[in-house]
Amino acid sequence: MNPAPASELATAVRTALTPFVTDPTAGTLCDLSRAMSKMTAYANSGRSHQVPGPWPESYFACDHAHEHIQKLNHTFATSTAPAPLDVRTVKYAVLAAIALFDDAVRSDTPNPSAEHEFSVFAIARAAAHLLGSGWRAEPGLHNTTGLIQHSIGEDYLLTVGDVGDMRPELYVESDDNRHILWDTAGEELPALAQRVADTIRDPALA
């Protein structure tokens, strides 16, 4: 994923939120709703919500904000002035959605200072970054696995397990196929991530 367009989506929501809070009308609410819809669509784009992670949390927060926006939209439709509490509820729901969206965007950008963070998810996240646009990684329990996904629906599970010789190895699993990365002991995170990315591009390299 490219963090820049995603950050622009969050900025657009912030920009639309200010006039709504200052002057809550049907028009300013409509502008906010449109900006939120684009951010929500990005958070939801081709992502699995079955695996816990920053993107599902972001999507659910966006969806929650939409519920409050729709409720207030119904108020305007009945020509009723919105209650200050309802305006504040929308404001804080949207701010929460923006915060979680920003966290999710940051989660897609590997931290160069974290090269020695050897959780499986850290490797998966770095591999997704190497694979490029449309790829993302979501963590499993305690970051012990990483689900690498593309927006068109490809899924690869990165995990460590016994491969038959009583020695755990790192491997990439897709459907019923397991691609073992042999002899990874001592390799640095960037090298491991490159091997995972290469394996996803061409399983014959495993």
C-alpha atoms as a PDB file:
ATOM      1  CA  MET A   1       0.000   0.000   0.000  1.00  0.00           C
ATOM      2  CA  ASN A   2       1.025   3.541  -0.601  1.00  0.00           C
ATOM      3  CA  PRO A   3       0.631   5.518   2.643  1.00  0.00           C
ATOM      4  CA  ALA A   4       0.445   8.912   0.876  1.00  0.00           C
ATOM      5  CA  PRO A   5      -3.037   8.561  -0.690  1.00  0.00           C
ATOM      6  CA  ALA A   6      -4.314   6.997   2.540  1.00  0.00           C
ATOM      7  CA  SER A   7      -2.988   9.940   4.548  1.00  0.00           C
ATOM      8  CA  GLU A   8      -4.705  12.294   2.114  1.00  0.00           C
ATOM      9  CA  LEU A   9      -8.010  10.532   2.797  1.00  0.00           C
ATOM     10  CA  ALA A  10      -7.613  11.118   6.532  1.00  0.00           C
ATOM     11  CA  THR A  11      -6.663  14.743   5.896  1.00  0.00           C
ATOM     12  CA  ALA A  12      -9.820  15.207   3.805  1.00  0.00           C
ATOM     13  CA  VAL A  13     -11.938  13.920   6.692  1.00  0.00           C
ATOM     14  CA  ARG A  14     -10.230  16.296   9.137  1.00  0.00           C
ATOM     15  CA  THR A  15     -10.819  19.164   6.700  1.00  0.00           C
ATOM     16  CA  ALA A  16     -14.524  18.309   6.377  1.00  0.00           C
ATOM     17  CA  LEU A  17     -14.970  17.844  10.120  1.00  0.00           C
ATOM     18  CA  THR A  18     -14.025  21.428  11.071  1.00  0.00           C
ATOM     19  CA  PRO A  19     -16.834  23.245   9.192  1.00  0.00           C
ATOM     20  CA  PHE A  20     -19.350  20.652  10.361  1.00  0.00           C
ATOM     21  CA  VAL A  21     -18.463  21.198  14.013  1.00  0.00           C
ATOM     22  CA  THR A  22     -18.467  24.985  13.536  1.00  0.00           C
ATOM     23  CA  ASP A  23     -21.721  25.046  11.568  1.00  0.00           C
ATOM     24  CA  PRO A  24     -23.609  21.723  11.694  1.00  0.00           C
ATOM     25  CA  THR A  25     -25.899  21.843   8.654  1.00  0.00           C
ATOM     26  CA  ALA A  26     -27.137  19.247   6.196  1.00  0.00           C
ATOM     27  CA  GLY A  27     -24.533  20.534   3.725  1.00  0.00           C
ATOM     28  CA  THR A  28     -21.514  20.311   6.034  1.00  0.00           C
ATOM     29  CA  LEU A  29     -22.683  16.890   7.226  1.00  0.00           C
ATOM     30  CA  CYS A  30     -22.959  15.723   3.613  1.00  0.00           C
ATOM     31  CA  ASP A  31     -19.389  16.844   2.916  1.00  0.00           C
ATOM     32  CA  LEU A  32     -18.181  15.009   6.022  1.00  0.00           C
ATOM     33  CA  SER A  33     -20.105  11.892   5.039  1.00  0.00           C
ATOM     34  CA  ARG A  34     -18.545  11.847   1.557  1.00  0.00           C
ATOM     35  CA  ALA A  35     -15.023  12.195   2.966  1.00  0.00           C
ATOM     36  CA  MET A  36     -15.698   9.470   5.557  1.00  0.00           C
ATOM     37  CA  SER A  37     -17.059   7.146   2.847  1.00  0.00           C
ATOM     38  CA  LYS A  38     -13.779   7.322   0.926  1.00  0.00           C
ATOM     39  CA  MET A  39     -11.718   6.638   4.036  1.00  0.00           C
ATOM     40  CA  THR A  40     -14.026   3.758   5.021  1.00  0.00           C
ATOM     41  CA  ALA A  41     -13.790   2.226   1.551  1.00  0.00           C
ATOM     42  CA  TYR A  42      -9.993   2.287   1.775  1.00  0.00           C
ATOM     43  CA  ALA A  43     -10.034   0.675   5.218  1.00  0.00           C
ATOM     44  CA  ASN A  44     -12.399  -2.013   3.917  1.00  0.00           C
ATOM     45  CA  SER A  45     -10.820  -2.552   0.497  1.00  0.00           C
ATOM     46  CA  GLY A  46     -10.350  -6.291   0.029  1.00  0.00           C
ATOM     47  CA  ARG A  47      -9.469  -6.809   3.680  1.00  0.00           C
ATOM     48  CA  SER A  48     -10.387  -9.725   5.879  1.00  0.00           C
ATOM     49  CA  HIS A  49     -12.016  -8.743   9.150  1.00  0.00           C
ATOM     50  CA  GLN A  50     -11.536 -12.246  10.548  1.00  0.00           C
ATOM     51  CA  VAL A  51      -7.935 -11.574  11.634  1.00  0.00           C
ATOM     52  CA  PRO A  52      -7.438  -8.947  14.368  1.00  0.00           C
ATOM     53  CA  GLY A  53      -5.314  -6.028  13.332  1.00  0.00           C
ATOM     54  CA  PRO A  54      -5.157  -2.275  12.755  1.00  0.00           C
ATOM     55  CA  TRP A  55      -7.121  -2.284   9.490  1.00  0.00           C
ATOM     56  CA  PRO A  56     -10.190  -4.153  10.824  1.00  0.00           C
ATOM     57  CA  GLU A  57     -10.157  -1.882  13.887  1.00  0.00           C
ATOM     58  CA  SER A  58      -9.991   1.139  11.585  1.00  0.00           C
ATOM     59  CA  TYR A  59     -12.864  -0.119   9.444  1.00  0.00           C
ATOM     60  CA  PHE A  60     -15.129  -0.821  12.416  1.00  0.00           C
ATOM     61  CA  ALA A  61     -14.395   2.651  13.827  1.00  0.00           C
ATOM     62  CA  CYS A  62     -15.256   4.221  10.465  1.00  0.00           C
ATOM     63  CA  ASP A  63     -18.450   2.189  10.288  1.00  0.00           C
ATOM     64  CA  HIS A  64     -19.368   3.298  13.813  1.00  0.00           C
ATOM     65  CA  ALA A  65     -18.853   6.952  12.847  1.00  0.00           C
ATOM     66  CA  HIS A  66     -21.077   6.426   9.807  1.00  0.00           C
ATOM     67  CA  GLU A  67     -23.873   5.172  12.036  1.00  0.00           C
ATOM     68  CA  HIS A  68     -23.838   8.449  13.971  1.00  0.00           C
ATOM     69  CA  ILE A  69     -23.609  10.468  10.765  1.00  0.00           C
ATOM     70  CA  GLN A  70     -26.647   8.667   9.349  1.00  0.00           C
ATOM     71  CA  LYS A  71     -28.578   9.240  12.551  1.00  0.00           C
ATOM     72  CA  LEU A  72     -27.866  12.963  12.369  1.00  0.00           C
ATOM     73  CA  ASN A  73     -28.704  12.979   8.658  1.00  0.00           C
ATOM     74  CA  HIS A  74     -32.147  11.638   9.556  1.00  0.00           C
ATOM     75  CA  THR A  75     -32.520  14.517  12.015  1.00  0.00           C
ATOM     76  CA  PHE A  76     -31.814  17.046   9.250  1.00  0.00           C
ATOM     77  CA  ALA A  77     -34.231  15.226   6.929  1.00  0.00           C
ATOM     78  CA  THR A  78     -37.040  15.871   9.407  1.00  0.00           C
ATOM     79  CA  SER A  79     -36.124  19.591   9.505  1.00  0.00           C
ATOM     80  CA  THR A  80     -35.113  19.278  13.157  1.00  0.00           C
ATOM     81  CA  ALA A  81     -32.123  21.142  14.552  1.00  0.00           C
ATOM     82  CA  PRO A  82     -29.423  18.750  15.798  1.00  0.00           C
ATOM     83  CA  ALA A  83     -28.798  18.549  19.515  1.00  0.00           C
ATOM     84  CA  PRO A  84     -25.308  19.699  20.620  1.00  0.00           C
ATOM     85  CA  LEU A  85     -24.740  16.247  22.131  1.00  0.00           C
ATOM     86  CA  ASP A  86     -25.398  14.585  18.754  1.00  0.00           C
ATOM     87  CA  VAL A  87     -22.935  16.920  17.041  1.00  0.00           C
ATOM     88  CA  ARG A  88     -20.272  16.153  19.656  1.00  0.00           C
ATOM     89  CA  THR A  89     -20.956  12.415  19.298  1.00  0.00           C
ATOM     90  CA  VAL A  90     -20.317  12.597  15.563  1.00  0.00           C
ATOM     91  CA  LYS A  91     -17.203  14.690  16.148  1.00  0.00           C
ATOM     92  CA  TYR A  92     -15.592  12.270  18.593  1.00  0.00           C
ATOM     93  CA  ALA A  93     -16.607   9.181  16.615  1.00  0.00           C
ATOM     94  CA  VAL A  94     -14.975  10.667  13.517  1.00  0.00           C
ATOM     95  CA  LEU A  95     -11.831  11.677  15.445  1.00  0.00           C
ATOM     96  CA  ALA A  96     -11.544   8.127  16.802  1.00  0.00           C
ATOM     97  CA  ALA A  97     -11.900   6.713  13.284  1.00  0.00           C
ATOM     98  CA  ILE A  98      -9.188   9.062  11.987  1.00  0.00           C
ATOM     99  CA  ALA A  99      -6.809   8.067  14.797  1.00  0.00           C
ATOM    100  CA  LEU A 100      -7.243   4.352  14.135  1.00  0.00           C
ATOM    101  CA  PHE A 101      -6.958   4.910  10.376  1.00  0.00           C
ATOM    102  CA  ASP A 102      -3.654   6.740  10.890  1.00  0.00           C
ATOM    103  CA  ASP A 103      -2.425   3.853  13.069  1.00  0.00           C
ATOM    104  CA  ALA A 104      -3.337   1.378  10.322  1.00  0.00           C
ATOM    105  CA  VAL A 105      -1.489   3.404   7.688  1.00  0.00           C
ATOM    106  CA  ARG A 106       1.609   3.506   9.914  1.00  0.00           C
ATOM    107  CA  SER A 107       1.375  -0.264  10.408  1.00  0.00           C
ATOM    108  CA  ASP A 108       1.913  -0.713   6.660  1.00  0.00           C
ATOM    109  CA  THR A 109       5.214   1.177   6.761  1.00  0.00           C
ATOM    110  CA  PRO A 110       8.105  -0.865   8.200  1.00  0.00           C
ATOM    111  CA  ASN A 111      10.169   0.950  10.787  1.00  0.00           C
ATOM    112  CA  PRO A 112      13.839   1.017   9.642  1.00  0.00           C
ATOM    113  CA  SER A 113      14.994   1.017  13.269  1.00  0.00           C
ATOM    114  CA  ALA A 114      13.138  -2.264  13.907  1.00  0.00           C
ATOM    115  CA  GLU A 115      15.431  -4.518  11.853  1.00  0.00           C
ATOM    116  CA  HIS A 116      16.038  -6.766  14.847  1.00  0.00           C
ATOM    117  CA  GLU A 117      12.337  -7.206  15.641  1.00  0.00           C
ATOM    118  CA  PHE A 118      12.103 -10.861  14.721  1.00  0.00           C
ATOM    119  CA  SER A 119       8.435 -11.528  15.264  1.00  0.00           C
ATOM    120  CA  VAL A 120       6.889 -13.441  12.375  1.00  0.00           C
ATOM    121  CA  PHE A 121       4.481 -10.567  11.805  1.00  0.00           C
ATOM    122  CA  ALA A 122       7.395  -8.108  11.503  1.00  0.00           C
ATOM    123  CA  ILE A 123       8.816 -10.283   8.721  1.00  0.00           C
ATOM    124  CA  ALA A 124       5.388 -10.530   7.052  1.00  0.00           C
ATOM    125  CA  ARG A 125       4.861  -6.769   7.249  1.00  0.00           C
ATOM    126  CA  ALA A 126       8.277  -6.054   5.722  1.00  0.00           C
ATOM    127  CA  ALA A 127       7.588  -8.626   2.973  1.00  0.00           C
ATOM    128  CA  ALA A 128       4.249  -6.983   2.154  1.00  0.00           C
ATOM    129  CA  HIS A 129       6.054  -3.656   1.853  1.00  0.00           C
ATOM    130  CA  LEU A 130       8.531  -5.217  -0.609  1.00  0.00           C
ATOM    131  CA  LEU A 131       5.709  -6.745  -2.655  1.00  0.00           C
ATOM    132  CA  GLY A 132       4.366  -3.254  -3.279  1.00  0.00           C
ATOM    133  CA  SER A 133       1.005  -1.637  -3.949  1.00  0.00           C
ATOM    134  CA  GLY A 134      -2.064  -3.589  -2.910  1.00  0.00           C
ATOM    135  CA  TRP A 135      -0.235  -5.823  -0.424  1.00  0.00           C
ATOM    136  CA  ARG A 136      -0.640  -5.676   3.336  1.00  0.00           C
ATOM    137  CA  ALA A 137       0.056  -7.857   6.379  1.00  0.00           C
ATOM    138  CA  GLU A 138      -2.123  -8.514   9.398  1.00  0.00           C
ATOM    139  CA  PRO A 139      -0.860 -10.080  12.650  1.00  0.00           C
ATOM    140  CA  GLY A 140      -1.971 -13.292  14.238  1.00  0.00           C
ATOM    141  CA  LEU A 141      -1.996 -14.001  17.974  1.00  0.00           C
ATOM    142  CA  HIS A 142       0.964 -12.266  19.696  1.00  0.00           C
ATOM    143  CA  ASN A 143       2.500 -11.574  16.242  1.00  0.00           C
ATOM    144  CA  THR A 144       3.442 -15.264  15.938  1.00  0.00           C
ATOM    145  CA  THR A 145       1.955 -15.431  12.437  1.00  0.00           C
ATOM    146  CA  GLY A 146       1.442 -12.964   9.636  1.00  0.00           C
ATOM    147  CA  LEU A 147      -1.311 -13.019   7.036  1.00  0.00           C
ATOM    148  CA  ILE A 148      -0.025 -11.432   3.826  1.00  0.00           C
ATOM    149  CA  GLN A 149      -2.857 -10.388   1.517  1.00  0.00           C
ATOM    150  CA  HIS A 150      -3.399  -8.628  -1.773  1.00  0.00           C
ATOM    151  CA  SER A 151      -6.452  -6.488  -2.430  1.00  0.00           C
ATOM    152  CA  ILE A 152      -7.575  -8.831  -5.247  1.00  0.00           C
ATOM    153  CA  GLY A 153      -7.898 -11.677  -2.761  1.00  0.00           C
ATOM    154  CA  GLU A 154      -4.596 -13.582  -2.634  1.00  0.00           C
ATOM    155  CA  ASP A 155      -3.777 -14.849   0.889  1.00  0.00           C
ATOM    156  CA  TYR A 156      -0.491 -16.192   2.238  1.00  0.00           C
ATOM    157  CA  LEU A 157       0.098 -17.281   5.834  1.00  0.00           C
ATOM    158  CA  LEU A 158       3.606 -16.829   7.188  1.00  0.00           C
ATOM    159  CA  THR A 159       4.302 -18.969  10.233  1.00  0.00           C
ATOM    160  CA  VAL A 160       6.828 -21.236  11.938  1.00  0.00           C
ATOM    161  CA  GLY A 161       6.246 -24.925  12.493  1.00  0.00           C
ATOM    162  CA  ASP A 162       7.594 -28.460  12.537  1.00  0.00           C
ATOM    163  CA  VAL A 163       8.278 -29.541   8.959  1.00  0.00           C
ATOM    164  CA  GLY A 164       8.942 -33.192   9.714  1.00  0.00           C
ATOM    165  CA  ASP A 165      12.494 -33.230  11.064  1.00  0.00           C
ATOM    166  CA  MET A 166      11.591 -32.034  14.581  1.00  0.00           C
ATOM    167  CA  ARG A 167      13.097 -28.642  13.782  1.00  0.00           C
ATOM    168  CA  PRO A 168      10.800 -25.644  13.358  1.00  0.00           C
ATOM    169  CA  GLU A 169      11.175 -23.722  10.108  1.00  0.00           C
ATOM    170  CA  LEU A 170       9.662 -20.569   8.682  1.00  0.00           C
ATOM    171  CA  TYR A 171       7.232 -21.255   5.863  1.00  0.00           C
ATOM    172  CA  VAL A 172       4.670 -19.612   3.595  1.00  0.00           C
ATOM    173  CA  GLU A 173       1.344 -21.384   3.215  1.00  0.00           C
ATOM    174  CA  SER A 174      -1.211 -20.740   0.483  1.00  0.00           C
ATOM    175  CA  ASP A 175      -4.328 -22.897   0.092  1.00  0.00           C
ATOM    176  CA  ASP A 176      -2.947 -26.421   0.633  1.00  0.00           C
ATOM    177  CA  ASN A 177       0.594 -25.571  -0.479  1.00  0.00           C
ATOM    178  CA  ARG A 178       3.436 -25.073   1.981  1.00  0.00           C
ATOM    179  CA  HIS A 179       6.650 -23.367   0.850  1.00  0.00           C
ATOM    180  CA  ILE A 180       9.423 -23.888   3.391  1.00  0.00           C
ATOM    181  CA  LEU A 181      12.222 -21.343   3.780  1.00  0.00           C
ATOM    182  CA  TRP A 182      15.117 -23.608   4.703  1.00  0.00           C
ATOM    183  CA  ASP A 183      18.176 -22.560   6.714  1.00  0.00           C
ATOM    184  CA  THR A 184      16.967 -19.160   7.902  1.00  0.00           C
ATOM    185  CA  ALA A 185      18.914 -19.235  11.185  1.00  0.00           C
ATOM    186  CA  GLY A 186      21.069 -16.146  11.574  1.00  0.00           C
ATOM    187  CA  GLU A 187      19.434 -14.171   8.762  1.00  0.00           C
ATOM    188  CA  GLU A 188      18.501 -10.537   9.392  1.00  0.00           C
ATOM    189  CA  LEU A 189      14.936  -9.306   9.051  1.00  0.00           C
ATOM    190  CA  PRO A 190      15.432  -7.600   5.645  1.00  0.00           C
ATOM    191  CA  ALA A 191      16.851 -10.808   4.159  1.00  0.00           C
ATOM    192  CA  LEU A 192      14.021 -12.904   5.593  1.00  0.00           C
ATOM    193  CA  ALA A 193      11.442 -10.466   4.281  1.00  0.00           C
ATOM    194  CA  GLN A 194      13.037 -10.582   0.826  1.00  0.00           C
ATOM    195  CA  ARG A 195      12.918 -14.383   0.820  1.00  0.00           C
ATOM    196  CA  VAL A 196       9.242 -14.334   1.802  1.00  0.00           C
ATOM    197  CA  ALA A 197       8.430 -11.777  -0.902  1.00  0.00           C
ATOM    198  CA  ASP A 198      10.353 -13.785  -3.515  1.00  0.00           C
ATOM    199  CA  THR A 199       8.547 -16.954  -2.465  1.00  0.00           C
ATOM    200  CA  ILE A 200       5.158 -15.298  -2.907  1.00  0.00           C
ATOM    201  CA  ARG A 201       6.182 -13.960  -6.327  1.00  0.00           C
ATOM    202  CA  ASP A 202       7.571 -17.353  -7.397  1.00  0.00           C
ATOM    203  CA  PRO A 203       7.008 -20.422  -5.144  1.00  0.00           C
ATOM    204  CA  ALA A 204       9.690 -22.291  -7.114  1.00  0.00           C
ATOM    205  CA  LEU A 205      12.260 -20.122  -5.325  1.00  0.00           C
ATOM    206  CA  ALA A 206      11.319 -21.607  -1.927  1.00  0.00           C
END
